[in-house]
Amino acid sequence: MDKYKFEESLAKLQEACDRMKAGDISLEEAIACYNEGKEHYRNCKDILENATQTIEILERDE
């Protein structure tokens, strides 16, 4: 997956969750939504971890 910006990945994660919650999709579609959501979750997590590390470095340098 190409890296999305945080906001884009978060929106796509929410879309995947909403589709699964709707309950009107097939099992195969639900699995695809789950996998897509998992990838966007990982992307968001990576971005937040990098931001946290950057902030910690900047605070140490003050």
PDB file of N, CA and C in Angstrom:
ATOM      1  N   MET A   1       0.847  -1.181   0.000  1.00  0.00           N
ATOM      2  CA  MET A   1       0.000   0.000   0.000  1.00  0.00           C
ATOM      3  C   MET A   1       0.885   1.233   0.000  1.00  0.00           C
ATOM      4  N   ASP A   2       0.567   2.181  -0.866  1.00  0.00           N
ATOM      5  CA  ASP A   2       1.260   3.462  -0.818  1.00  0.00           C
ATOM      6  C   ASP A   2       0.909   4.128   0.503  1.00  0.00           C
ATOM      7  N   LYS A   3       1.848   4.864   1.017  1.00  0.00           N
ATOM      8  CA  LYS A   3       1.588   5.560   2.272  1.00  0.00           C
ATOM      9  C   LYS A   3       0.622   6.714   2.036  1.00  0.00           C
ATOM     10  N   TYR A   4      -0.399   6.744   2.850  1.00  0.00           N
ATOM     11  CA  TYR A   4      -1.363   7.833   2.828  1.00  0.00           C
ATOM     12  C   TYR A   4      -0.998   8.796   3.943  1.00  0.00           C
ATOM     13  N   LYS A   5      -1.478  10.008   3.828  1.00  0.00           N
ATOM     14  CA  LYS A   5      -1.355  10.939   4.937  1.00  0.00           C
ATOM     15  C   LYS A   5      -2.238  10.413   6.063  1.00  0.00           C
ATOM     16  N   PHE A   6      -1.954  10.852   7.284  1.00  0.00           N
ATOM     17  CA  PHE A   6      -2.682  10.356   8.446  1.00  0.00           C
ATOM     18  C   PHE A   6      -4.190  10.507   8.275  1.00  0.00           C
ATOM     19  N   GLU A   7      -4.613  11.694   7.889  1.00  0.00           N
ATOM     20  CA  GLU A   7      -6.045  11.967   7.785  1.00  0.00           C
ATOM     21  C   GLU A   7      -6.712  11.084   6.731  1.00  0.00           C
ATOM     22  N   GLU A   8      -6.007  10.842   5.629  1.00  0.00           N
ATOM     23  CA  GLU A   8      -6.549   9.982   4.570  1.00  0.00           C
ATOM     24  C   GLU A   8      -6.681   8.541   5.053  1.00  0.00           C
ATOM     25  N   SER A   9      -5.655   8.056   5.727  1.00  0.00           N
ATOM     26  CA  SER A   9      -5.695   6.685   6.230  1.00  0.00           C
ATOM     27  C   SER A   9      -6.769   6.532   7.297  1.00  0.00           C
ATOM     28  N   LEU A  10      -6.901   7.525   8.152  1.00  0.00           N
ATOM     29  CA  LEU A  10      -7.923   7.474   9.194  1.00  0.00           C
ATOM     30  C   LEU A  10      -9.318   7.437   8.582  1.00  0.00           C
ATOM     31  N   ALA A  11      -9.539   8.243   7.550  1.00  0.00           N
ATOM     32  CA  ALA A  11     -10.842   8.256   6.874  1.00  0.00           C
ATOM     33  C   ALA A  11     -11.123   6.911   6.205  1.00  0.00           C
ATOM     34  N   LYS A  12     -10.123   6.318   5.579  1.00  0.00           N
ATOM     35  CA  LYS A  12     -10.304   5.025   4.930  1.00  0.00           C
ATOM     36  C   LYS A  12     -10.534   3.915   5.956  1.00  0.00           C
ATOM     37  N   LEU A  13      -9.878   4.015   7.095  1.00  0.00           N
ATOM     38  CA  LEU A  13     -10.112   3.063   8.180  1.00  0.00           C
ATOM     39  C   LEU A  13     -11.556   3.176   8.660  1.00  0.00           C
ATOM     40  N   GLN A  14     -12.036   4.400   8.823  1.00  0.00           N
ATOM     41  CA  GLN A  14     -13.424   4.613   9.258  1.00  0.00           C
ATOM     42  C   GLN A  14     -14.407   4.067   8.223  1.00  0.00           C
ATOM     43  N   GLU A  15     -14.116   4.278   6.942  1.00  0.00           N
ATOM     44  CA  GLU A  15     -14.980   3.750   5.876  1.00  0.00           C
ATOM     45  C   GLU A  15     -15.058   2.222   5.935  1.00  0.00           C
ATOM     46  N   ALA A  16     -13.919   1.582   6.128  1.00  0.00           N
ATOM     47  CA  ALA A  16     -13.894   0.121   6.206  1.00  0.00           C
ATOM     48  C   ALA A  16     -14.716  -0.359   7.404  1.00  0.00           C
ATOM     49  N   CYS A  17     -14.570   0.309   8.532  1.00  0.00           N
ATOM     50  CA  CYS A  17     -15.347  -0.048   9.724  1.00  0.00           C
ATOM     51  C   CYS A  17     -16.835   0.140   9.487  1.00  0.00           C
ATOM     52  N   ASP A  18     -17.194   1.247   8.884  1.00  0.00           N
ATOM     53  CA  ASP A  18     -18.605   1.532   8.619  1.00  0.00           C
ATOM     54  C   ASP A  18     -19.222   0.489   7.690  1.00  0.00           C
ATOM     55  N   ARG A  19     -18.467   0.077   6.657  1.00  0.00           N
ATOM     56  CA  ARG A  19     -18.988  -0.940   5.731  1.00  0.00           C
ATOM     57  C   ARG A  19     -19.216  -2.264   6.457  1.00  0.00           C
ATOM     58  N   MET A  20     -18.287  -2.637   7.332  1.00  0.00           N
ATOM     59  CA  MET A  20     -18.456  -3.894   8.062  1.00  0.00           C
ATOM     60  C   MET A  20     -19.607  -3.799   9.055  1.00  0.00           C
ATOM     61  N   LYS A  21     -19.758  -2.651   9.715  1.00  0.00           N
ATOM     62  CA  LYS A  21     -20.841  -2.477  10.686  1.00  0.00           C
ATOM     63  C   LYS A  21     -22.207  -2.495  10.021  1.00  0.00           C
ATOM     64  N   ALA A  22     -22.272  -2.039   8.766  1.00  0.00           N
ATOM     65  CA  ALA A  22     -23.556  -1.990   8.063  1.00  0.00           C
ATOM     66  C   ALA A  22     -24.171  -3.384   7.951  1.00  0.00           C
ATOM     67  N   GLY A  23     -23.315  -4.388   7.830  1.00  0.00           N
ATOM     68  CA  GLY A  23     -23.796  -5.753   7.826  1.00  0.00           C
ATOM     69  C   GLY A  23     -24.419  -6.223   6.527  1.00  0.00           C
ATOM     70  N   ASP A  24     -24.403  -5.405   5.502  1.00  0.00           N
ATOM     71  CA  ASP A  24     -25.036  -5.795   4.244  1.00  0.00           C
ATOM     72  C   ASP A  24     -24.007  -6.167   3.174  1.00  0.00           C
ATOM     73  N   ILE A  25     -22.852  -6.691   3.624  1.00  0.00           N
ATOM     74  CA  ILE A  25     -21.810  -7.106   2.686  1.00  0.00           C
ATOM     75  C   ILE A  25     -21.543  -8.603   2.875  1.00  0.00           C
ATOM     76  N   SER A  26     -20.981  -9.195   1.870  1.00  0.00           N
ATOM     77  CA  SER A  26     -20.674 -10.622   1.937  1.00  0.00           C
ATOM     78  C   SER A  26     -19.475 -10.864   2.859  1.00  0.00           C
ATOM     79  N   LEU A  27     -19.284 -12.120   3.187  1.00  0.00           N
ATOM     80  CA  LEU A  27     -18.144 -12.483   4.013  1.00  0.00           C
ATOM     81  C   LEU A  27     -16.836 -12.095   3.338  1.00  0.00           C
ATOM     82  N   GLU A  28     -16.745 -12.327   2.048  1.00  0.00           N
ATOM     83  CA  GLU A  28     -15.530 -11.984   1.315  1.00  0.00           C
ATOM     84  C   GLU A  28     -15.264 -10.487   1.355  1.00  0.00           C
ATOM     85  N   GLU A  29     -16.331  -9.699   1.193  1.00  0.00           N
ATOM     86  CA  GLU A  29     -16.180  -8.238   1.255  1.00  0.00           C
ATOM     87  C   GLU A  29     -15.779  -7.796   2.663  1.00  0.00           C
ATOM     88  N   ALA A  30     -16.339  -8.449   3.673  1.00  0.00           N
ATOM     89  CA  ALA A  30     -16.002  -8.113   5.059  1.00  0.00           C
ATOM     90  C   ALA A  30     -14.533  -8.413   5.335  1.00  0.00           C
ATOM     91  N   ILE A  31     -14.047  -9.536   4.824  1.00  0.00           N
ATOM     92  CA  ILE A  31     -12.634  -9.883   5.016  1.00  0.00           C
ATOM     93  C   ILE A  31     -11.739  -8.866   4.307  1.00  0.00           C
ATOM     94  N   ALA A  32     -12.135  -8.468   3.090  1.00  0.00           N
ATOM     95  CA  ALA A  32     -11.366  -7.459   2.356  1.00  0.00           C
ATOM     96  C   ALA A  32     -11.365  -6.129   3.114  1.00  0.00           C
ATOM     97  N   CYS A  33     -12.509  -5.741   3.668  1.00  0.00           N
ATOM     98  CA  CYS A  33     -12.601  -4.506   4.452  1.00  0.00           C
ATOM     99  C   CYS A  33     -11.714  -4.595   5.687  1.00  0.00           C
ATOM    100  N   TYR A  34     -11.728  -5.753   6.330  1.00  0.00           N
ATOM    101  CA  TYR A  34     -10.901  -5.949   7.514  1.00  0.00           C
ATOM    102  C   TYR A  34      -9.422  -5.787   7.172  1.00  0.00           C
ATOM    103  N   ASN A  35      -9.004  -6.439   6.103  1.00  0.00           N
ATOM    104  CA  ASN A  35      -7.593  -6.347   5.694  1.00  0.00           C
ATOM    105  C   ASN A  35      -7.205  -4.927   5.311  1.00  0.00           C
ATOM    106  N   GLU A  36      -8.090  -4.254   4.596  1.00  0.00           N
ATOM    107  CA  GLU A  36      -7.830  -2.858   4.224  1.00  0.00           C
ATOM    108  C   GLU A  36      -7.741  -1.991   5.475  1.00  0.00           C
ATOM    109  N   GLY A  37      -8.675  -2.193   6.386  1.00  0.00           N
ATOM    110  CA  GLY A  37      -8.675  -1.432   7.631  1.00  0.00           C
ATOM    111  C   GLY A  37      -7.417  -1.667   8.445  1.00  0.00           C
ATOM    112  N   LYS A  38      -6.963  -2.921   8.468  1.00  0.00           N
ATOM    113  CA  LYS A  38      -5.752  -3.259   9.216  1.00  0.00           C
ATOM    114  C   LYS A  38      -4.542  -2.520   8.650  1.00  0.00           C
ATOM    115  N   GLU A  39      -4.455  -2.430   7.331  1.00  0.00           N
ATOM    116  CA  GLU A  39      -3.338  -1.715   6.704  1.00  0.00           C
ATOM    117  C   GLU A  39      -3.385  -0.221   7.039  1.00  0.00           C
ATOM    118  N   HIS A  40      -4.576   0.353   7.007  1.00  0.00           N
ATOM    119  CA  HIS A  40      -4.699   1.777   7.324  1.00  0.00           C
ATOM    120  C   HIS A  40      -4.433   2.029   8.807  1.00  0.00           C
ATOM    121  N   TYR A  41      -4.839   1.085   9.656  1.00  0.00           N
ATOM    122  CA  TYR A  41      -4.533   1.198  11.083  1.00  0.00           C
ATOM    123  C   TYR A  41      -3.021   1.219  11.297  1.00  0.00           C
ATOM    124  N   ARG A  42      -2.319   0.304  10.644  1.00  0.00           N
ATOM    125  CA  ARG A  42      -0.860   0.249  10.768  1.00  0.00           C
ATOM    126  C   ARG A  42      -0.215   1.546  10.291  1.00  0.00           C
ATOM    127  N   ASN A  43      -0.721   2.086   9.180  1.00  0.00           N
ATOM    128  CA  ASN A  43      -0.182   3.333   8.658  1.00  0.00           C
ATOM    129  C   ASN A  43      -0.381   4.466   9.667  1.00  0.00           C
ATOM    130  N   CYS A  44      -1.587   4.567  10.229  1.00  0.00           N
ATOM    131  CA  CYS A  44      -1.856   5.604  11.230  1.00  0.00           C
ATOM    132  C   CYS A  44      -0.947   5.431  12.439  1.00  0.00           C
ATOM    133  N   LYS A  45      -0.794   4.204  12.890  1.00  0.00           N
ATOM    134  CA  LYS A  45       0.048   3.913  14.045  1.00  0.00           C
ATOM    135  C   LYS A  45       1.496   4.305  13.768  1.00  0.00           C
ATOM    136  N   ASP A  46       2.008   3.962  12.585  1.00  0.00           N
ATOM    137  CA  ASP A  46       3.379   4.324  12.222  1.00  0.00           C
ATOM    138  C   ASP A  46       3.573   5.838  12.206  1.00  0.00           C
ATOM    139  N   ILE A  47       2.621   6.536  11.626  1.00  0.00           N
ATOM    140  CA  ILE A  47       2.713   8.003  11.555  1.00  0.00           C
ATOM    141  C   ILE A  47       2.735   8.599  12.957  1.00  0.00           C
ATOM    142  N   LEU A  48       1.841   8.107  13.834  1.00  0.00           N
ATOM    143  CA  LEU A  48       1.787   8.632  15.197  1.00  0.00           C
ATOM    144  C   LEU A  48       3.056   8.309  15.979  1.00  0.00           C
ATOM    145  N   GLU A  49       3.592   7.113  15.792  1.00  0.00           N
ATOM    146  CA  GLU A  49       4.843   6.759  16.473  1.00  0.00           C
ATOM    147  C   GLU A  49       5.993   7.653  16.003  1.00  0.00           C
ATOM    148  N   ASN A  50       6.059   7.908  14.701  1.00  0.00           N
ATOM    149  CA  ASN A  50       7.110   8.796  14.174  1.00  0.00           C
ATOM    150  C   ASN A  50       6.955  10.211  14.707  1.00  0.00           C
ATOM    151  N   ALA A  51       5.717  10.673  14.793  1.00  0.00           N
ATOM    152  CA  ALA A  51       5.472  12.018  15.315  1.00  0.00           C
ATOM    153  C   ALA A  51       5.881  12.099  16.778  1.00  0.00           C
ATOM    154  N   THR A  52       5.573  11.070  17.540  1.00  0.00           N
ATOM    155  CA  THR A  52       5.949  11.034  18.952  1.00  0.00           C
ATOM    156  C   THR A  52       7.460  11.070  19.110  1.00  0.00           C
ATOM    157  N   GLN A  53       8.161  10.288  18.310  1.00  0.00           N
ATOM    158  CA  GLN A  53       9.621  10.277  18.374  1.00  0.00           C
ATOM    159  C   GLN A  53      10.201  11.641  18.012  1.00  0.00           C
ATOM    160  N   THR A  54       9.642  12.265  17.004  1.00  0.00           N
ATOM    161  CA  THR A  54      10.114  13.590  16.588  1.00  0.00           C
ATOM    162  C   THR A  54       9.914  14.602  17.700  1.00  0.00           C
ATOM    163  N   ILE A  55       8.763  14.569  18.351  1.00  0.00           N
ATOM    164  CA  ILE A  55       8.478  15.504  19.443  1.00  0.00           C
ATOM    165  C   ILE A  55       9.430  15.263  20.606  1.00  0.00           C
ATOM    166  N   GLU A  56       9.667  13.998  20.924  1.00  0.00           N
ATOM    167  CA  GLU A  56      10.593  13.686  22.017  1.00  0.00           C
ATOM    168  C   GLU A  56      11.996  14.204  21.713  1.00  0.00           C
ATOM    169  N   ILE A  57      12.447  14.059  20.484  1.00  0.00           N
ATOM    170  CA  ILE A  57      13.768  14.552  20.096  1.00  0.00           C
ATOM    171  C   ILE A  57      13.812  16.072  20.194  1.00  0.00           C
ATOM    172  N   LEU A  58      12.778  16.727  19.708  1.00  0.00           N
ATOM    173  CA  LEU A  58      12.739  18.195  19.752  1.00  0.00           C
ATOM    174  C   LEU A  58      12.717  18.697  21.185  1.00  0.00           C
ATOM    175  N   GLU A  59      11.976  18.002  22.068  1.00  0.00           N
ATOM    176  CA  GLU A  59      11.911  18.432  23.460  1.00  0.00           C
ATOM    177  C   GLU A  59      13.261  18.240  24.154  1.00  0.00           C
ATOM    178  N   ARG A  60      13.994  17.183  23.805  1.00  0.00           N
ATOM    179  CA  ARG A  60      15.315  16.956  24.398  1.00  0.00           C
ATOM    180  C   ARG A  60      16.308  18.034  23.971  1.00  0.00           C
ATOM    181  N   ASP A  61      16.144  18.527  22.739  1.00  0.00           N
ATOM    182  CA  ASP A  61      17.064  19.512  22.203  1.00  0.00           C
ATOM    183  C   ASP A  61      16.803  20.926  22.701  1.00  0.00           C
ATOM    184  N   GLU A  62      15.715  21.127  23.405  1.00  0.00           N
ATOM    185  CA  GLU A  62      15.405  22.481  23.884  1.00  0.00           C
ATOM    186  C   GLU A  62      16.345  22.932  24.947  1.00  0.00           C
TER     187      GLU A  62
END
